C-alpha cells in the first residue's frame, strides 16, 4: 500500500474538477487507442503526461522553488541526453512483459508508446548526438530503430532516478514514438502491422475511468508471486489467489484519489484478502504517530479514508487525501 500510494502521489497532481469535465469526453478514447498500440503485455499503464508536467509539478512543488527548478532542469537534461522532450508529450502508454531468467528472479522488459506534438526526426537526431556516436541502426519491417548506448543515470521530474543503459527508439506511424527494450520495440512495430496484439482485457482495466490521470491493469502469474518471497504465510496465501490487479489515480478539486482492485480466483479468496488488509490497516495505524509531521498527516488521512469492499471475486480499495496534505510532503522532497 505504501509503495503504491507513493507512486500515485508522484504521478498525480492538481487535477481540478474543471479539467476532469473538460477531458472526460475524449480522454478515455484517446487512452484506449494509444494502449492498443502496445504489443502483448503482462501489464499496461497509461499516464496523461501533459497534465503531470503542466499542472502537477507547479502546484506540488510550489512551496520549494529550488526543487521546481531542479525538476525543470532534469526535464531539459532528459531531452538533451535522449532527444525525448517530456513537455511535447500528451500521453504515454507503457507495456511490461515478465520473464524469469533464473529461479527467484523476475525481469521486466518494457516498451513505451508516446504521443503528442512530436518531431520524430528531430528527436532521433538529438538522441544520436547525445549518444556521442554510440548507437546502431536496425531496419525492421520498413522502420528504422535507433539503439543508443547511454549508460547514464537520469533524474526525471527531480524526483525519480532512472538508469538507462541501451535505449531503442523508433518513430512509428503518425505522431507516435516507441522507446524501450529493443525486442519490445520490434514487437511494437509488429502491432502496427496487425500482429502481436492481445491486450483487450488489460486495456479495459487500465482505461475504465476516462477522467483518471493514470490507470493500469496487470496479470499476476504464479511465478511472479513465487518470486516475491513473502515471508508471512497468511499474506502469501491470500496474495497467491490474485490473478489480476488494476487501478486509477484521479483528482477532485480538493483531493487526490486512489483506487486499487484485485481479482482473485473465487469470492472466498477475495473476502480473505479483504480481511487481511483490514488487519494491516489497523496494524498500520499504530505506527502513524512515529512518522514525521507531513508524512504522518498524509498517512492518517489515507488510513482514515480507506474503504475496503468485496464483490464476488473482486476486492477494491479506495482512499483519498487532501491536496493540501500532499503539497508539503512533495515540496519537502
Foldseek 3Di string as FASTA:
>chain_A
DVVVVVVLLLQDALCEPVNLVVQLVPQLVVLLVQLQLFFDAQKKKKFQLQCCLPTGLCQLQVVAVVLQVLQVVLLVVCCQQQVDRSNQWGMKMKGWHWDDPDALDIDIFMKIKTFGNDDQVSSRVSNCVNLVNQWDWDDAPNWIKIKGQRQDWGDHSSHDIDGDGIKIWTDDPDGMIMIGDPVRVNSSVVVVVVPRGDCVVFSCQQSVRSSFRMKMKGFDDLSNLSSVPDPDPLQSVLVSQFTMKMWTWHDYNWKTKIKIKTFGPWQVSQVSNLVVVVVVLVVVVVCLVVDPDLSSQQSVQFSVQWDWDDDIRMIMIMGMDTPVSSSVVSNVD
